[in-house]
Amino acid sequence: MRNDTVPRERDVRESDTSLAELRGDCARMAPDWVRPAADAPDPVPPSLIHGVTVPPDSARLIDGMSEYGD
């Protein structure tokens, strides 16, 4: 019987790529990435924020979920 809490040697693998190599690859590719030109939306004045409205079905769904860590 195998103990599942102890990883076998073949289950544990290190990446073939170091972090420095990965960062270098990303830096070389960055000029090829296109960033869409989009204007940021105007901020909403706090006087217009009046809370959040949650549909009853969604509220029941969330209420039925367990708390994190239960």
PDB file of N, CA and C in Angstrom:
ATOM      1  N   MET A   1       0.842  -1.182   0.000  1.00  0.00           N
ATOM      2  CA  MET A   1       0.000   0.000   0.000  1.00  0.00           C
ATOM      3  C   MET A   1       0.885   1.242   0.000  1.00  0.00           C
ATOM      4  N   ARG A   2       0.573   2.191  -0.839  1.00  0.00           N
ATOM      5  CA  ARG A   2       1.391   3.397  -1.018  1.00  0.00           C
ATOM      6  C   ARG A   2       0.900   4.511  -0.106  1.00  0.00           C
ATOM      7  N   ASN A   3       1.833   5.206   0.513  1.00  0.00           N
ATOM      8  CA  ASN A   3       1.502   6.354   1.355  1.00  0.00           C
ATOM      9  C   ASN A   3       1.388   7.578   0.451  1.00  0.00           C
ATOM     10  N   ASP A   4       0.180   8.156   0.296  1.00  0.00           N
ATOM     11  CA  ASP A   4      -0.042   9.281  -0.622  1.00  0.00           C
ATOM     12  C   ASP A   4       0.510  10.606  -0.100  1.00  0.00           C
ATOM     13  N   THR A   5       0.899  10.665   1.165  1.00  0.00           N
ATOM     14  CA  THR A   5       1.412  11.924   1.689  1.00  0.00           C
ATOM     15  C   THR A   5       2.895  12.117   1.385  1.00  0.00           C
ATOM     16  N   VAL A   6       3.578  11.054   0.976  1.00  0.00           N
ATOM     17  CA  VAL A   6       4.994  11.159   0.659  1.00  0.00           C
ATOM     18  C   VAL A   6       5.148  11.090  -0.857  1.00  0.00           C
ATOM     19  N   PRO A   7       5.607  12.165  -1.496  1.00  0.00           N
ATOM     20  CA  PRO A   7       5.736  12.145  -2.958  1.00  0.00           C
ATOM     21  C   PRO A   7       6.843  11.206  -3.409  1.00  0.00           C
ATOM     22  N   ARG A   8       6.581  10.503  -4.490  1.00  0.00           N
ATOM     23  CA  ARG A   8       7.610   9.665  -5.083  1.00  0.00           C
ATOM     24  C   ARG A   8       8.556  10.555  -5.871  1.00  0.00           C
ATOM     25  N   GLU A   9       9.760  10.073  -6.087  1.00  0.00           N
ATOM     26  CA  GLU A   9      10.773  10.866  -6.789  1.00  0.00           C
ATOM     27  C   GLU A   9      10.295  11.302  -8.161  1.00  0.00           C
ATOM     28  N   ARG A  10       9.606  10.432  -8.889  1.00  0.00           N
ATOM     29  CA  ARG A  10       9.168  10.805 -10.233  1.00  0.00           C
ATOM     30  C   ARG A  10       8.015  11.802 -10.227  1.00  0.00           C
ATOM     31  N   ASP A  11       7.312  11.950  -9.064  1.00  0.00           N
ATOM     32  CA  ASP A  11       6.224  12.919  -8.956  1.00  0.00           C
ATOM     33  C   ASP A  11       6.754  14.334  -8.731  1.00  0.00           C
ATOM     34  N   VAL A  12       7.967  14.460  -8.216  1.00  0.00           N
ATOM     35  CA  VAL A  12       8.548  15.758  -7.902  1.00  0.00           C
ATOM     36  C   VAL A  12       9.488  16.140  -9.032  1.00  0.00           C
ATOM     37  N   ARG A  13       9.136  17.202  -9.758  1.00  0.00           N
ATOM     38  CA  ARG A  13       9.967  17.662 -10.871  1.00  0.00           C
ATOM     39  C   ARG A  13      10.250  19.139 -10.714  1.00  0.00           C
ATOM     40  N   GLU A  14      11.449  19.513 -11.064  1.00  0.00           N
ATOM     41  CA  GLU A  14      11.785  20.925 -11.090  1.00  0.00           C
ATOM     42  C   GLU A  14      11.614  21.424 -12.509  1.00  0.00           C
ATOM     43  N   SER A  15      11.317  22.683 -12.642  1.00  0.00           N
ATOM     44  CA  SER A  15      11.148  23.268 -13.967  1.00  0.00           C
ATOM     45  C   SER A  15      12.463  23.229 -14.716  1.00  0.00           C
ATOM     46  N   ASP A  16      12.374  23.018 -16.008  1.00  0.00           N
ATOM     47  CA  ASP A  16      13.565  23.042 -16.844  1.00  0.00           C
ATOM     48  C   ASP A  16      14.023  24.466 -17.115  1.00  0.00           C
ATOM     49  N   THR A  17      13.176  25.437 -16.827  1.00  0.00           N
ATOM     50  CA  THR A  17      13.475  26.842 -17.090  1.00  0.00           C
ATOM     51  C   THR A  17      13.635  27.576 -15.771  1.00  0.00           C
ATOM     52  N   SER A  18      14.727  28.317 -15.627  1.00  0.00           N
ATOM     53  CA  SER A  18      14.925  29.093 -14.398  1.00  0.00           C
ATOM     54  C   SER A  18      14.094  30.370 -14.473  1.00  0.00           C
ATOM     55  N   LEU A  19      13.939  31.015 -13.340  1.00  0.00           N
ATOM     56  CA  LEU A  19      13.187  32.272 -13.302  1.00  0.00           C
ATOM     57  C   LEU A  19      13.884  33.328 -14.153  1.00  0.00           C
ATOM     58  N   ALA A  20      15.200  33.366 -14.111  1.00  0.00           N
ATOM     59  CA  ALA A  20      15.939  34.352 -14.901  1.00  0.00           C
ATOM     60  C   ALA A  20      15.720  34.117 -16.398  1.00  0.00           C
ATOM     61  N   GLU A  21      15.708  32.847 -16.817  1.00  0.00           N
ATOM     62  CA  GLU A  21      15.456  32.547 -18.237  1.00  0.00           C
ATOM     63  C   GLU A  21      14.041  32.944 -18.629  1.00  0.00           C
ATOM     64  N   LEU A  22      13.085  32.669 -17.760  1.00  0.00           N
ATOM     65  CA  LEU A  22      11.693  33.020 -18.036  1.00  0.00           C
ATOM     66  C   LEU A  22      11.532  34.535 -18.156  1.00  0.00           C
ATOM     67  N   ARG A  23      12.149  35.281 -17.241  1.00  0.00           N
ATOM     68  CA  ARG A  23      12.072  36.745 -17.312  1.00  0.00           C
ATOM     69  C   ARG A  23      12.716  37.268 -18.588  1.00  0.00           C
ATOM     70  N   GLY A  24      13.831  36.657 -18.995  1.00  0.00           N
ATOM     71  CA  GLY A  24      14.487  37.064 -20.233  1.00  0.00           C
ATOM     72  C   GLY A  24      13.612  36.796 -21.444  1.00  0.00           C
ATOM     73  N   ASP A  25      12.968  35.627 -21.467  1.00  0.00           N
ATOM     74  CA  ASP A  25      12.058  35.300 -22.574  1.00  0.00           C
ATOM     75  C   ASP A  25      10.918  36.315 -22.646  1.00  0.00           C
ATOM     76  N   CYS A  26      10.353  36.651 -21.489  1.00  0.00           N
ATOM     77  CA  CYS A  26       9.255  37.624 -21.460  1.00  0.00           C
ATOM     78  C   CYS A  26       9.725  38.994 -21.935  1.00  0.00           C
ATOM     79  N   ALA A  27      10.907  39.403 -21.515  1.00  0.00           N
ATOM     80  CA  ALA A  27      11.431  40.707 -21.926  1.00  0.00           C
ATOM     81  C   ALA A  27      11.638  40.762 -23.434  1.00  0.00           C
ATOM     82  N   ARG A  28      12.071  39.655 -24.025  1.00  0.00           N
ATOM     83  CA  ARG A  28      12.266  39.622 -25.483  1.00  0.00           C
ATOM     84  C   ARG A  28      10.937  39.636 -26.231  1.00  0.00           C
ATOM     85  N   MET A  29       9.901  39.061 -25.641  1.00  0.00           N
ATOM     86  CA  MET A  29       8.597  39.006 -26.312  1.00  0.00           C
ATOM     87  C   MET A  29       7.768  40.264 -26.096  1.00  0.00           C
ATOM     88  N   ALA A  30       8.040  41.020 -25.048  1.00  0.00           N
ATOM     89  CA  ALA A  30       7.216  42.182 -24.682  1.00  0.00           C
ATOM     90  C   ALA A  30       7.003  43.169 -25.821  1.00  0.00           C
ATOM     91  N   PRO A  31       8.027  43.485 -26.642  1.00  0.00           N
ATOM     92  CA  PRO A  31       7.775  44.432 -27.731  1.00  0.00           C
ATOM     93  C   PRO A  31       6.750  43.928 -28.756  1.00  0.00           C
ATOM     94  N   ASP A  32       6.535  42.614 -28.812  1.00  0.00           N
ATOM     95  CA  ASP A  32       5.579  42.049 -29.763  1.00  0.00           C
ATOM     96  C   ASP A  32       4.147  42.068 -29.237  1.00  0.00           C
ATOM     97  N   TRP A  33       3.978  42.281 -27.947  1.00  0.00           N
ATOM     98  CA  TRP A  33       2.641  42.280 -27.370  1.00  0.00           C
ATOM     99  C   TRP A  33       1.965  43.602 -27.658  1.00  0.00           C
ATOM    100  N   VAL A  34       0.706  43.526 -28.021  1.00  0.00           N
ATOM    101  CA  VAL A  34      -0.062  44.729 -28.346  1.00  0.00           C
ATOM    102  C   VAL A  34      -0.937  45.076 -27.148  1.00  0.00           C
ATOM    103  N   ARG A  35      -0.852  46.316 -26.738  1.00  0.00           N
ATOM    104  CA  ARG A  35      -1.701  46.799 -25.654  1.00  0.00           C
ATOM    105  C   ARG A  35      -2.800  47.640 -26.275  1.00  0.00           C
ATOM    106  N   PRO A  36      -4.055  47.251 -26.086  1.00  0.00           N
ATOM    107  CA  PRO A  36      -5.139  48.034 -26.682  1.00  0.00           C
ATOM    108  C   PRO A  36      -5.182  49.443 -26.101  1.00  0.00           C
ATOM    109  N   ALA A  37      -5.414  50.380 -26.973  1.00  0.00           N
ATOM    110  CA  ALA A  37      -5.530  51.778 -26.538  1.00  0.00           C
ATOM    111  C   ALA A  37      -6.959  52.014 -26.087  1.00  0.00           C
ATOM    112  N   ALA A  38      -7.143  52.026 -24.789  1.00  0.00           N
ATOM    113  CA  ALA A  38      -8.479  52.253 -24.238  1.00  0.00           C
ATOM    114  C   ALA A  38      -8.377  53.292 -23.138  1.00  0.00           C
ATOM    115  N   ASP A  39      -9.301  54.216 -23.158  1.00  0.00           N
ATOM    116  CA  ASP A  39      -9.335  55.221 -22.115  1.00  0.00           C
ATOM    117  C   ASP A  39      -9.926  54.615 -20.845  1.00  0.00           C
ATOM    118  N   ALA A  40      -9.398  55.010 -19.730  1.00  0.00           N
ATOM    119  CA  ALA A  40      -9.950  54.561 -18.455  1.00  0.00           C
ATOM    120  C   ALA A  40     -11.288  55.265 -18.229  1.00  0.00           C
ATOM    121  N   PRO A  41     -12.250  54.558 -17.672  1.00  0.00           N
ATOM    122  CA  PRO A  41     -13.540  55.217 -17.402  1.00  0.00           C
ATOM    123  C   PRO A  41     -13.369  56.299 -16.353  1.00  0.00           C
ATOM    124  N   ASP A  42     -14.213  57.304 -16.433  1.00  0.00           N
ATOM    125  CA  ASP A  42     -14.183  58.375 -15.442  1.00  0.00           C
ATOM    126  C   ASP A  42     -14.568  57.811 -14.077  1.00  0.00           C
ATOM    127  N   PRO A  43     -13.921  58.271 -13.008  1.00  0.00           N
ATOM    128  CA  PRO A  43     -14.290  57.784 -11.685  1.00  0.00           C
ATOM    129  C   PRO A  43     -15.709  58.211 -11.321  1.00  0.00           C
ATOM    130  N   VAL A  44     -16.371  57.368 -10.576  1.00  0.00           N
ATOM    131  CA  VAL A  44     -17.733  57.664 -10.123  1.00  0.00           C
ATOM    132  C   VAL A  44     -17.642  58.450  -8.824  1.00  0.00           C
ATOM    133  N   PRO A  45     -18.328  59.573  -8.736  1.00  0.00           N
ATOM    134  CA  PRO A  45     -18.292  60.334  -7.482  1.00  0.00           C
ATOM    135  C   PRO A  45     -18.907  59.518  -6.344  1.00  0.00           C
ATOM    136  N   PRO A  46     -18.314  59.573  -5.162  1.00  0.00           N
ATOM    137  CA  PRO A  46     -18.860  58.814  -4.028  1.00  0.00           C
ATOM    138  C   PRO A  46     -20.319  59.129  -3.732  1.00  0.00           C
ATOM    139  N   SER A  47     -20.772  60.327  -4.052  1.00  0.00           N
ATOM    140  CA  SER A  47     -22.170  60.685  -3.769  1.00  0.00           C
ATOM    141  C   SER A  47     -23.146  59.851  -4.601  1.00  0.00           C
ATOM    142  N   LEU A  48     -22.673  59.238  -5.684  1.00  0.00           N
ATOM    143  CA  LEU A  48     -23.552  58.413  -6.523  1.00  0.00           C
ATOM    144  C   LEU A  48     -23.518  56.928  -6.143  1.00  0.00           C
ATOM    145  N   ILE A  49     -22.636  56.566  -5.222  1.00  0.00           N
ATOM    146  CA  ILE A  49     -22.541  55.169  -4.799  1.00  0.00           C
ATOM    147  C   ILE A  49     -23.465  54.974  -3.604  1.00  0.00           C
ATOM    148  N   HIS A  50     -24.453  54.116  -3.778  1.00  0.00           N
ATOM    149  CA  HIS A  50     -25.455  53.910  -2.729  1.00  0.00           C
ATOM    150  C   HIS A  50     -25.523  52.469  -2.258  1.00  0.00           C
ATOM    151  N   GLY A  51     -24.510  51.683  -2.503  1.00  0.00           N
ATOM    152  CA  GLY A  51     -24.513  50.301  -2.052  1.00  0.00           C
ATOM    153  C   GLY A  51     -24.601  49.335  -3.210  1.00  0.00           C
ATOM    154  N   VAL A  52     -24.752  48.096  -2.870  1.00  0.00           N
ATOM    155  CA  VAL A  52     -24.779  47.022  -3.851  1.00  0.00           C
ATOM    156  C   VAL A  52     -26.123  46.334  -3.778  1.00  0.00           C
ATOM    157  N   THR A  53     -26.703  46.058  -4.925  1.00  0.00           N
ATOM    158  CA  THR A  53     -27.960  45.322  -4.980  1.00  0.00           C
ATOM    159  C   THR A  53     -27.660  43.911  -5.469  1.00  0.00           C
ATOM    160  N   VAL A  54     -28.073  42.920  -4.691  1.00  0.00           N
ATOM    161  CA  VAL A  54     -27.829  41.519  -5.032  1.00  0.00           C
ATOM    162  C   VAL A  54     -29.175  40.858  -5.279  1.00  0.00           C
ATOM    163  N   PRO A  55     -29.347  40.213  -6.446  1.00  0.00           N
ATOM    164  CA  PRO A  55     -30.604  39.512  -6.708  1.00  0.00           C
ATOM    165  C   PRO A  55     -30.850  38.426  -5.653  1.00  0.00           C
ATOM    166  N   PRO A  56     -32.107  38.197  -5.272  1.00  0.00           N
ATOM    167  CA  PRO A  56     -32.415  37.209  -4.228  1.00  0.00           C
ATOM    168  C   PRO A  56     -31.847  35.815  -4.510  1.00  0.00           C
ATOM    169  N   ASP A  57     -31.892  35.358  -5.760  1.00  0.00           N
ATOM    170  CA  ASP A  57     -31.349  34.026  -6.069  1.00  0.00           C
ATOM    171  C   ASP A  57     -29.856  33.957  -5.791  1.00  0.00           C
ATOM    172  N   SER A  58     -29.135  35.017  -6.123  1.00  0.00           N
ATOM    173  CA  SER A  58     -27.698  35.049  -5.865  1.00  0.00           C
ATOM    174  C   SER A  58     -27.414  35.101  -4.371  1.00  0.00           C
ATOM    175  N   ALA A  59     -28.216  35.860  -3.635  1.00  0.00           N
ATOM    176  CA  ALA A  59     -28.030  35.956  -2.184  1.00  0.00           C
ATOM    177  C   ALA A  59     -28.247  34.596  -1.532  1.00  0.00           C
ATOM    178  N   ARG A  60     -29.257  33.846  -1.971  1.00  0.00           N
ATOM    179  CA  ARG A  60     -29.505  32.509  -1.415  1.00  0.00           C
ATOM    180  C   ARG A  60     -28.349  31.572  -1.740  1.00  0.00           C
ATOM    181  N   LEU A  61     -27.802  31.677  -2.941  1.00  0.00           N
ATOM    182  CA  LEU A  61     -26.679  30.825  -3.339  1.00  0.00           C
ATOM    183  C   LEU A  61     -25.476  31.081  -2.430  1.00  0.00           C
ATOM    184  N   ILE A  62     -25.146  32.342  -2.232  1.00  0.00           N
ATOM    185  CA  ILE A  62     -23.999  32.696  -1.390  1.00  0.00           C
ATOM    186  C   ILE A  62     -24.271  32.330   0.070  1.00  0.00           C
ATOM    187  N   ASP A  63     -25.498  32.537   0.531  1.00  0.00           N
ATOM    188  CA  ASP A  63     -25.848  32.214   1.913  1.00  0.00           C
ATOM    189  C   ASP A  63     -25.713  30.714   2.168  1.00  0.00           C
ATOM    190  N   GLY A  64     -25.945  29.894   1.152  1.00  0.00           N
ATOM    191  CA  GLY A  64     -25.853  28.453   1.308  1.00  0.00           C
ATOM    192  C   GLY A  64     -24.441  27.915   1.268  1.00  0.00           C
ATOM    193  N   MET A  65     -23.463  28.731   0.901  1.00  0.00           N
ATOM    194  CA  MET A  65     -22.076  28.280   0.841  1.00  0.00           C
ATOM    195  C   MET A  65     -21.455  28.329   2.227  1.00  0.00           C
ATOM    196  N   SER A  66     -20.494  27.443   2.452  1.00  0.00           N
ATOM    197  CA  SER A  66     -19.810  27.457   3.734  1.00  0.00           C
ATOM    198  C   SER A  66     -18.805  28.592   3.773  1.00  0.00           C
ATOM    199  N   GLU A  67     -18.437  28.982   4.960  1.00  0.00           N
ATOM    200  CA  GLU A  67     -17.420  30.024   5.127  1.00  0.00           C
ATOM    201  C   GLU A  67     -16.066  29.456   4.732  1.00  0.00           C
ATOM    202  N   TYR A  68     -15.166  30.317   4.328  1.00  0.00           N
ATOM    203  CA  TYR A  68     -13.816  29.872   3.977  1.00  0.00           C
ATOM    204  C   TYR A  68     -13.171  29.250   5.204  1.00  0.00           C
ATOM    205  N   GLY A  69     -12.626  28.077   5.018  1.00  0.00           N
ATOM    206  CA  GLY A  69     -11.945  27.399   6.107  1.00  0.00           C
ATOM    207  C   GLY A  69     -12.817  26.444   6.885  1.00  0.00           C
ATOM    208  N   ASP A  70     -14.112  26.348   6.564  1.00  0.00           N
ATOM    209  CA  ASP A  70     -14.974  25.382   7.269  1.00  0.00           C
ATOM    210  C   ASP A  70     -14.574  23.973   6.939  1.00  0.00           C
TER     211      ASP A  70
END
